[in-house]
Amino acid sequence: MRKRDRLEVIFDILTIIRDRHNSIKPTPLLRTSNLSSSSFNEYYAEILKKGFIQEVIDKKGKKYLSLTDKGFTYLEKYTYILGFIREFEL
């Protein structure tokens, strides 16, 4: 089995959030992402800092994550690149 590269892991994390109606708590995201806690924390910090996701606190004080417009754009562009790679068998 091949190891996922950095861009693919980011794509996978953002896809999980999008597919959960653009709202997921950090712990279920960690479990679903198939990463160690330390790796997850590094990616989480990076995508938050880059503005791909935002933290939303509900009325009960619970934290949820959702994609920003930039996060949706990343998914769109990455999917386009994958299509390009498949089309040209690269």
PDB file of N, CA and C in Angstrom:
ATOM      1  N   MET A   1       0.839  -1.182   0.000  1.00  0.00           N
ATOM      2  CA  MET A   1       0.000   0.000   0.000  1.00  0.00           C
ATOM      3  C   MET A   1       0.885   1.247   0.000  1.00  0.00           C
ATOM      4  N   ARG A   2       0.561   2.196  -0.859  1.00  0.00           N
ATOM      5  CA  ARG A   2       1.387   3.393  -0.927  1.00  0.00           C
ATOM      6  C   ARG A   2       0.967   4.412   0.127  1.00  0.00           C
ATOM      7  N   LYS A   3       1.919   5.225   0.499  1.00  0.00           N
ATOM      8  CA  LYS A   3       1.696   6.264   1.488  1.00  0.00           C
ATOM      9  C   LYS A   3       1.069   7.493   0.820  1.00  0.00           C
ATOM     10  N   ARG A   4       0.098   8.106   1.479  1.00  0.00           N
ATOM     11  CA  ARG A   4      -0.521   9.316   0.935  1.00  0.00           C
ATOM     12  C   ARG A   4       0.456  10.487   1.029  1.00  0.00           C
ATOM     13  N   ASP A   5       0.479  11.324  -0.008  1.00  0.00           N
ATOM     14  CA  ASP A   5       1.326  12.510   0.079  1.00  0.00           C
ATOM     15  C   ASP A   5       0.561  13.630   0.780  1.00  0.00           C
ATOM     16  N   ARG A   6       1.272  14.698   1.100  1.00  0.00           N
ATOM     17  CA  ARG A   6       0.729  15.808   1.878  1.00  0.00           C
ATOM     18  C   ARG A   6      -0.534  16.407   1.266  1.00  0.00           C
ATOM     19  N   LEU A   7      -0.498  16.682  -0.040  1.00  0.00           N
ATOM     20  CA  LEU A   7      -1.646  17.291  -0.710  1.00  0.00           C
ATOM     21  C   LEU A   7      -2.860  16.369  -0.689  1.00  0.00           C
ATOM     22  N   GLU A   8      -2.604  15.070  -0.799  1.00  0.00           N
ATOM     23  CA  GLU A   8      -3.684  14.089  -0.774  1.00  0.00           C
ATOM     24  C   GLU A   8      -4.323  14.001   0.618  1.00  0.00           C
ATOM     25  N   VAL A   9      -3.502  14.064   1.660  1.00  0.00           N
ATOM     26  CA  VAL A   9      -4.027  14.022   3.029  1.00  0.00           C
ATOM     27  C   VAL A   9      -4.905  15.246   3.281  1.00  0.00           C
ATOM     28  N   ILE A  10      -4.444  16.417   2.851  1.00  0.00           N
ATOM     29  CA  ILE A  10      -5.247  17.639   3.001  1.00  0.00           C
ATOM     30  C   ILE A  10      -6.562  17.480   2.246  1.00  0.00           C
ATOM     31  N   PHE A  11      -6.496  16.968   1.025  1.00  0.00           N
ATOM     32  CA  PHE A  11      -7.700  16.725   0.223  1.00  0.00           C
ATOM     33  C   PHE A  11      -8.653  15.791   0.970  1.00  0.00           C
ATOM     34  N   ASP A  12      -8.118  14.712   1.531  1.00  0.00           N
ATOM     35  CA  ASP A  12      -8.946  13.740   2.250  1.00  0.00           C
ATOM     36  C   ASP A  12      -9.628  14.379   3.463  1.00  0.00           C
ATOM     37  N   ILE A  13      -8.896  15.168   4.237  1.00  0.00           N
ATOM     38  CA  ILE A  13      -9.462  15.830   5.415  1.00  0.00           C
ATOM     39  C   ILE A  13     -10.583  16.788   5.006  1.00  0.00           C
ATOM     40  N   LEU A  14     -10.321  17.603   3.992  1.00  0.00           N
ATOM     41  CA  LEU A  14     -11.334  18.556   3.535  1.00  0.00           C
ATOM     42  C   LEU A  14     -12.563  17.841   2.967  1.00  0.00           C
ATOM     43  N   THR A  15     -12.341  16.721   2.280  1.00  0.00           N
ATOM     44  CA  THR A  15     -13.449  15.939   1.725  1.00  0.00           C
ATOM     45  C   THR A  15     -14.330  15.371   2.844  1.00  0.00           C
ATOM     46  N   ILE A  16     -13.712  14.889   3.906  1.00  0.00           N
ATOM     47  CA  ILE A  16     -14.470  14.352   5.044  1.00  0.00           C
ATOM     48  C   ILE A  16     -15.379  15.440   5.620  1.00  0.00           C
ATOM     49  N   ILE A  17     -14.827  16.634   5.805  1.00  0.00           N
ATOM     50  CA  ILE A  17     -15.629  17.736   6.350  1.00  0.00           C
ATOM     51  C   ILE A  17     -16.790  18.060   5.406  1.00  0.00           C
ATOM     52  N   ARG A  18     -16.495  18.197   4.125  1.00  0.00           N
ATOM     53  CA  ARG A  18     -17.528  18.523   3.140  1.00  0.00           C
ATOM     54  C   ARG A  18     -18.636  17.459   3.126  1.00  0.00           C
ATOM     55  N   ASP A  19     -18.226  16.194   3.156  1.00  0.00           N
ATOM     56  CA  ASP A  19     -19.181  15.099   3.066  1.00  0.00           C
ATOM     57  C   ASP A  19     -20.029  14.921   4.330  1.00  0.00           C
ATOM     58  N   ARG A  20     -19.647  15.572   5.415  1.00  0.00           N
ATOM     59  CA  ARG A  20     -20.434  15.546   6.666  1.00  0.00           C
ATOM     60  C   ARG A  20     -21.264  16.833   6.770  1.00  0.00           C
ATOM     61  N   HIS A  21     -21.808  17.261   5.665  1.00  0.00           N
ATOM     62  CA  HIS A  21     -22.636  18.478   5.600  1.00  0.00           C
ATOM     63  C   HIS A  21     -21.858  19.710   6.056  1.00  0.00           C
ATOM     64  N   ASN A  22     -20.547  19.693   5.784  1.00  0.00           N
ATOM     65  CA  ASN A  22     -19.655  20.808   6.095  1.00  0.00           C
ATOM     66  C   ASN A  22     -19.670  21.171   7.582  1.00  0.00           C
ATOM     67  N   SER A  23     -19.795  20.161   8.427  1.00  0.00           N
ATOM     68  CA  SER A  23     -19.769  20.400   9.871  1.00  0.00           C
ATOM     69  C   SER A  23     -19.400  19.104  10.583  1.00  0.00           C
ATOM     70  N   ILE A  24     -18.254  19.109  11.257  1.00  0.00           N
ATOM     71  CA  ILE A  24     -17.807  17.914  11.982  1.00  0.00           C
ATOM     72  C   ILE A  24     -16.984  18.371  13.179  1.00  0.00           C
ATOM     73  N   LYS A  25     -17.071  17.601  14.250  1.00  0.00           N
ATOM     74  CA  LYS A  25     -16.257  17.889  15.426  1.00  0.00           C
ATOM     75  C   LYS A  25     -14.840  17.373  15.171  1.00  0.00           C
ATOM     76  N   PRO A  26     -13.847  17.959  15.841  1.00  0.00           N
ATOM     77  CA  PRO A  26     -12.450  17.531  15.616  1.00  0.00           C
ATOM     78  C   PRO A  26     -12.186  16.047  15.882  1.00  0.00           C
ATOM     79  N   THR A  27     -12.750  15.473  16.943  1.00  0.00           N
ATOM     80  CA  THR A  27     -12.440  14.080  17.278  1.00  0.00           C
ATOM     81  C   THR A  27     -12.938  13.096  16.217  1.00  0.00           C
ATOM     82  N   PRO A  28     -14.194  13.192  15.760  1.00  0.00           N
ATOM     83  CA  PRO A  28     -14.605  12.289  14.669  1.00  0.00           C
ATOM     84  C   PRO A  28     -13.781  12.500  13.392  1.00  0.00           C
ATOM     85  N   LEU A  29     -13.356  13.733  13.151  1.00  0.00           N
ATOM     86  CA  LEU A  29     -12.511  13.994  11.983  1.00  0.00           C
ATOM     87  C   LEU A  29     -11.176  13.274  12.135  1.00  0.00           C
ATOM     88  N   LEU A  30     -10.598  13.323  13.317  1.00  0.00           N
ATOM     89  CA  LEU A  30      -9.341  12.615  13.599  1.00  0.00           C
ATOM     90  C   LEU A  30      -9.513  11.122  13.335  1.00  0.00           C
ATOM     91  N   ARG A  31     -10.576  10.529  13.863  1.00  0.00           N
ATOM     92  CA  ARG A  31     -10.809   9.088  13.680  1.00  0.00           C
ATOM     93  C   ARG A  31     -10.974   8.725  12.208  1.00  0.00           C
ATOM     94  N   THR A  32     -11.733   9.530  11.477  1.00  0.00           N
ATOM     95  CA  THR A  32     -12.036   9.238  10.079  1.00  0.00           C
ATOM     96  C   THR A  32     -10.844   9.495   9.161  1.00  0.00           C
ATOM     97  N   SER A  33      -9.949  10.387   9.566  1.00  0.00           N
ATOM     98  CA  SER A  33      -8.832  10.770   8.692  1.00  0.00           C
ATOM     99  C   SER A  33      -7.741   9.705   8.588  1.00  0.00           C
ATOM    100  N   ASN A  34      -7.765   8.722   9.492  1.00  0.00           N
ATOM    101  CA  ASN A  34      -6.787   7.638   9.456  1.00  0.00           C
ATOM    102  C   ASN A  34      -5.352   8.152   9.621  1.00  0.00           C
ATOM    103  N   LEU A  35      -5.186   9.105  10.542  1.00  0.00           N
ATOM    104  CA  LEU A  35      -3.867   9.660  10.860  1.00  0.00           C
ATOM    105  C   LEU A  35      -3.602   9.478  12.352  1.00  0.00           C
ATOM    106  N   SER A  36      -2.328   9.502  12.720  1.00  0.00           N
ATOM    107  CA  SER A  36      -2.002   9.507  14.144  1.00  0.00           C
ATOM    108  C   SER A  36      -2.397  10.872  14.714  1.00  0.00           C
ATOM    109  N   SER A  37      -2.526  10.946  16.022  1.00  0.00           N
ATOM    110  CA  SER A  37      -2.905  12.218  16.654  1.00  0.00           C
ATOM    111  C   SER A  37      -1.920  13.329  16.325  1.00  0.00           C
ATOM    112  N   SER A  38      -0.632  13.021  16.377  1.00  0.00           N
ATOM    113  CA  SER A  38       0.369  14.062  16.123  1.00  0.00           C
ATOM    114  C   SER A  38       0.340  14.520  14.669  1.00  0.00           C
ATOM    115  N   SER A  39       0.209  13.581  13.736  1.00  0.00           N
ATOM    116  CA  SER A  39       0.113  13.958  12.321  1.00  0.00           C
ATOM    117  C   SER A  39      -1.147  14.779  12.077  1.00  0.00           C
ATOM    118  N   PHE A  40      -2.266  14.319  12.658  1.00  0.00           N
ATOM    119  CA  PHE A  40      -3.525  15.038  12.492  1.00  0.00           C
ATOM    120  C   PHE A  40      -3.402  16.470  13.002  1.00  0.00           C
ATOM    121  N   ASN A  41      -2.790  16.631  14.173  1.00  0.00           N
ATOM    122  CA  ASN A  41      -2.646  17.974  14.756  1.00  0.00           C
ATOM    123  C   ASN A  41      -1.822  18.894  13.862  1.00  0.00           C
ATOM    124  N   GLU A  42      -0.795  18.352  13.216  1.00  0.00           N
ATOM    125  CA  GLU A  42       0.016  19.156  12.293  1.00  0.00           C
ATOM    126  C   GLU A  42      -0.813  19.604  11.083  1.00  0.00           C
ATOM    127  N   TYR A  43      -1.547  18.671  10.485  1.00  0.00           N
ATOM    128  CA  TYR A  43      -2.389  19.018   9.332  1.00  0.00           C
ATOM    129  C   TYR A  43      -3.498  19.980   9.736  1.00  0.00           C
ATOM    130  N   TYR A  44      -4.099  19.731  10.890  1.00  0.00           N
ATOM    131  CA  TYR A  44      -5.180  20.573  11.398  1.00  0.00           C
ATOM    132  C   TYR A  44      -4.692  22.018  11.548  1.00  0.00           C
ATOM    133  N   ALA A  45      -3.534  22.172  12.178  1.00  0.00           N
ATOM    134  CA  ALA A  45      -2.969  23.513  12.376  1.00  0.00           C
ATOM    135  C   ALA A  45      -2.673  24.180  11.033  1.00  0.00           C
ATOM    136  N   GLU A  46      -2.140  23.409  10.096  1.00  0.00           N
ATOM    137  CA  GLU A  46      -1.787  23.959   8.785  1.00  0.00           C
ATOM    138  C   GLU A  46      -3.018  24.426   8.006  1.00  0.00           C
ATOM    139  N   ILE A  47      -4.046  23.581   7.936  1.00  0.00           N
ATOM    140  CA  ILE A  47      -5.208  23.964   7.131  1.00  0.00           C
ATOM    141  C   ILE A  47      -6.030  25.062   7.800  1.00  0.00           C
ATOM    142  N   LEU A  48      -5.950  25.147   9.122  1.00  0.00           N
ATOM    143  CA  LEU A  48      -6.608  26.245   9.827  1.00  0.00           C
ATOM    144  C   LEU A  48      -5.855  27.555   9.548  1.00  0.00           C
ATOM    145  N   LYS A  49      -4.531  27.493   9.658  1.00  0.00           N
ATOM    146  CA  LYS A  49      -3.690  28.677   9.419  1.00  0.00           C
ATOM    147  C   LYS A  49      -3.820  29.179   7.975  1.00  0.00           C
ATOM    148  N   LYS A  50      -3.903  28.250   7.033  1.00  0.00           N
ATOM    149  CA  LYS A  50      -4.014  28.621   5.619  1.00  0.00           C
ATOM    150  C   LYS A  50      -5.433  29.065   5.241  1.00  0.00           C
ATOM    151  N   GLY A  51      -6.377  28.926   6.156  1.00  0.00           N
ATOM    152  CA  GLY A  51      -7.736  29.394   5.913  1.00  0.00           C
ATOM    153  C   GLY A  51      -8.604  28.453   5.104  1.00  0.00           C
ATOM    154  N   PHE A  52      -8.270  27.157   5.093  1.00  0.00           N
ATOM    155  CA  PHE A  52      -9.097  26.168   4.386  1.00  0.00           C
ATOM    156  C   PHE A  52     -10.314  25.769   5.212  1.00  0.00           C
ATOM    157  N   ILE A  53     -10.165  25.851   6.544  1.00  0.00           N
ATOM    158  CA  ILE A  53     -11.259  25.511   7.448  1.00  0.00           C
ATOM    159  C   ILE A  53     -11.421  26.625   8.471  1.00  0.00           C
ATOM    160  N   GLN A  54     -12.565  26.601   9.134  1.00  0.00           N
ATOM    161  CA  GLN A  54     -12.793  27.523  10.238  1.00  0.00           C
ATOM    162  C   GLN A  54     -13.410  26.753  11.394  1.00  0.00           C
ATOM    163  N   GLU A  55     -13.163  27.246  12.604  1.00  0.00           N
ATOM    164  CA  GLU A  55     -13.763  26.651  13.786  1.00  0.00           C
ATOM    165  C   GLU A  55     -15.024  27.437  14.120  1.00  0.00           C
ATOM    166  N   VAL A  56     -16.096  26.714  14.355  1.00  0.00           N
ATOM    167  CA  VAL A  56     -17.373  27.335  14.711  1.00  0.00           C
ATOM    168  C   VAL A  56     -17.770  26.790  16.074  1.00  0.00           C
ATOM    169  N   ILE A  57     -18.051  27.687  17.017  1.00  0.00           N
ATOM    170  CA  ILE A  57     -18.477  27.280  18.353  1.00  0.00           C
ATOM    171  C   ILE A  57     -19.991  27.466  18.439  1.00  0.00           C
ATOM    172  N   ASP A  58     -20.701  26.380  18.790  1.00  0.00           N
ATOM    173  CA  ASP A  58     -22.165  26.492  18.873  1.00  0.00           C
ATOM    174  C   ASP A  58     -22.590  27.083  20.222  1.00  0.00           C
ATOM    175  N   LYS A  59     -23.886  27.202  20.426  1.00  0.00           N
ATOM    176  CA  LYS A  59     -24.431  27.823  21.642  1.00  0.00           C
ATOM    177  C   LYS A  59     -24.038  27.070  22.914  1.00  0.00           C
ATOM    178  N   LYS A  60     -23.795  25.767  22.771  1.00  0.00           N
ATOM    179  CA  LYS A  60     -23.413  24.948  23.930  1.00  0.00           C
ATOM    180  C   LYS A  60     -21.906  24.932  24.155  1.00  0.00           C
ATOM    181  N   GLY A  61     -21.169  25.666  23.326  1.00  0.00           N
ATOM    182  CA  GLY A  61     -19.719  25.727  23.469  1.00  0.00           C
ATOM    183  C   GLY A  61     -18.970  24.609  22.768  1.00  0.00           C
ATOM    184  N   LYS A  62     -19.662  23.817  21.962  1.00  0.00           N
ATOM    185  CA  LYS A  62     -19.008  22.725  21.230  1.00  0.00           C
ATOM    186  C   LYS A  62     -18.381  23.253  19.943  1.00  0.00           C
ATOM    187  N   LYS A  63     -17.185  22.737  19.650  1.00  0.00           N
ATOM    188  CA  LYS A  63     -16.448  23.184  18.467  1.00  0.00           C
ATOM    189  C   LYS A  63     -16.741  22.293  17.272  1.00  0.00           C
ATOM    190  N   TYR A  64     -17.067  22.929  16.155  1.00  0.00           N
ATOM    191  CA  TYR A  64     -17.270  22.245  14.887  1.00  0.00           C
ATOM    192  C   TYR A  64     -16.336  22.852  13.851  1.00  0.00           C
ATOM    193  N   LEU A  65     -15.967  22.055  12.872  1.00  0.00           N
ATOM    194  CA  LEU A  65     -15.120  22.534  11.789  1.00  0.00           C
ATOM    195  C   LEU A  65     -15.939  22.581  10.518  1.00  0.00           C
ATOM    196  N   SER A  66     -15.705  23.615   9.726  1.00  0.00           N
ATOM    197  CA  SER A  66     -16.364  23.700   8.427  1.00  0.00           C
ATOM    198  C   SER A  66     -15.383  24.290   7.417  1.00  0.00           C
ATOM    199  N   LEU A  67     -15.633  24.012   6.149  1.00  0.00           N
ATOM    200  CA  LEU A  67     -14.777  24.519   5.082  1.00  0.00           C
ATOM    201  C   LEU A  67     -15.075  25.992   4.828  1.00  0.00           C
ATOM    202  N   THR A  68     -14.048  26.707   4.455  1.00  0.00           N
ATOM    203  CA  THR A  68     -14.211  28.078   3.988  1.00  0.00           C
ATOM    204  C   THR A  68     -14.309  28.018   2.463  1.00  0.00           C
ATOM    205  N   ASP A  69     -14.546  29.156   1.837  1.00  0.00           N
ATOM    206  CA  ASP A  69     -14.548  29.193   0.370  1.00  0.00           C
ATOM    207  C   ASP A  69     -13.212  28.701  -0.178  1.00  0.00           C
ATOM    208  N   LYS A  70     -12.139  29.056   0.509  1.00  0.00           N
ATOM    209  CA  LYS A  70     -10.796  28.627   0.083  1.00  0.00           C
ATOM    210  C   LYS A  70     -10.664  27.101   0.149  1.00  0.00           C
ATOM    211  N   GLY A  71     -11.269  26.491   1.155  1.00  0.00           N
ATOM    212  CA  GLY A  71     -11.253  25.032   1.285  1.00  0.00           C
ATOM    213  C   GLY A  71     -12.011  24.359   0.158  1.00  0.00           C
ATOM    214  N   PHE A  72     -13.183  24.920  -0.184  1.00  0.00           N
ATOM    215  CA  PHE A  72     -13.956  24.377  -1.308  1.00  0.00           C
ATOM    216  C   PHE A  72     -13.187  24.528  -2.621  1.00  0.00           C
ATOM    217  N   THR A  73     -12.491  25.647  -2.772  1.00  0.00           N
ATOM    218  CA  THR A  73     -11.688  25.879  -3.978  1.00  0.00           C
ATOM    219  C   THR A  73     -10.550  24.860  -4.075  1.00  0.00           C
ATOM    220  N   TYR A  74      -9.910  24.556  -2.943  1.00  0.00           N
ATOM    221  CA  TYR A  74      -8.848  23.546  -2.920  1.00  0.00           C
ATOM    222  C   TYR A  74      -9.382  22.217  -3.436  1.00  0.00           C
ATOM    223  N   LEU A  75     -10.558  21.799  -2.935  1.00  0.00           N
ATOM    224  CA  LEU A  75     -11.150  20.532  -3.372  1.00  0.00           C
ATOM    225  C   LEU A  75     -11.411  20.534  -4.879  1.00  0.00           C
ATOM    226  N   GLU A  76     -11.941  21.633  -5.356  1.00  0.00           N
ATOM    227  CA  GLU A  76     -12.255  21.773  -6.783  1.00  0.00           C
ATOM    228  C   GLU A  76     -10.991  21.673  -7.639  1.00  0.00           C
ATOM    229  N   LYS A  77      -9.955  22.414  -7.268  1.00  0.00           N
ATOM    230  CA  LYS A  77      -8.706  22.431  -8.055  1.00  0.00           C
ATOM    231  C   LYS A  77      -7.981  21.090  -7.975  1.00  0.00           C
ATOM    232  N   TYR A  78      -7.964  20.475  -6.797  1.00  0.00           N
ATOM    233  CA  TYR A  78      -7.281  19.193  -6.640  1.00  0.00           C
ATOM    234  C   TYR A  78      -7.972  18.125  -7.490  1.00  0.00           C
ATOM    235  N   THR A  79      -9.300  18.149  -7.504  1.00  0.00           N
ATOM    236  CA  THR A  79     -10.060  17.212  -8.333  1.00  0.00           C
ATOM    237  C   THR A  79      -9.734  17.424  -9.811  1.00  0.00           C
ATOM    238  N   TYR A  80      -9.605  18.678 -10.214  1.00  0.00           N
ATOM    239  CA  TYR A  80      -9.240  19.010 -11.598  1.00  0.00           C
ATOM    240  C   TYR A  80      -7.859  18.433 -11.933  1.00  0.00           C
ATOM    241  N   ILE A  81      -6.919  18.606 -11.029  1.00  0.00           N
ATOM    242  CA  ILE A  81      -5.556  18.093 -11.243  1.00  0.00           C
ATOM    243  C   ILE A  81      -5.564  16.569 -11.353  1.00  0.00           C
ATOM    244  N   LEU A  82      -6.334  15.906 -10.493  1.00  0.00           N
ATOM    245  CA  LEU A  82      -6.439  14.440 -10.570  1.00  0.00           C
ATOM    246  C   LEU A  82      -6.981  14.005 -11.925  1.00  0.00           C
ATOM    247  N   GLY A  83      -7.983  14.716 -12.414  1.00  0.00           N
ATOM    248  CA  GLY A  83      -8.542  14.417 -13.733  1.00  0.00           C
ATOM    249  C   GLY A  83      -7.502  14.573 -14.824  1.00  0.00           C
ATOM    250  N   PHE A  84      -6.702  15.621 -14.725  1.00  0.00           N
ATOM    251  CA  PHE A  84      -5.630  15.886 -15.680  1.00  0.00           C
ATOM    252  C   PHE A  84      -4.616  14.737 -15.666  1.00  0.00           C
ATOM    253  N   ILE A  85      -4.233  14.308 -14.462  1.00  0.00           N
ATOM    254  CA  ILE A  85      -3.256  13.221 -14.323  1.00  0.00           C
ATOM    255  C   ILE A  85      -3.800  11.929 -14.920  1.00  0.00           C
ATOM    256  N   ARG A  86      -5.065  11.626 -14.635  1.00  0.00           N
ATOM    257  CA  ARG A  86      -5.679  10.400 -15.192  1.00  0.00           C
ATOM    258  C   ARG A  86      -5.792  10.482 -16.723  1.00  0.00           C
ATOM    259  N   GLU A  87      -6.223  11.639 -17.209  1.00  0.00           N
ATOM    260  CA  GLU A  87      -6.435  11.809 -18.644  1.00  0.00           C
ATOM    261  C   GLU A  87      -5.153  11.561 -19.440  1.00  0.00           C
ATOM    262  N   PHE A  88      -4.040  12.025 -18.901  1.00  0.00           N
ATOM    263  CA  PHE A  88      -2.767  11.886 -19.593  1.00  0.00           C
ATOM    264  C   PHE A  88      -1.939  10.707 -19.082  1.00  0.00           C
ATOM    265  N   GLU A  89      -2.570   9.883 -18.233  1.00  0.00           N
ATOM    266  CA  GLU A  89      -1.931   8.666 -17.695  1.00  0.00           C
ATOM    267  C   GLU A  89      -0.563   8.955 -17.096  1.00  0.00           C
ATOM    268  N   LEU A  90      -0.509   9.991 -16.266  1.00  0.00           N
ATOM    269  CA  LEU A  90       0.748  10.370 -15.621  1.00  0.00           C
ATOM    270  C   LEU A  90       0.882   9.732 -14.267  1.00  0.00           C
TER     271      LEU A  90
END
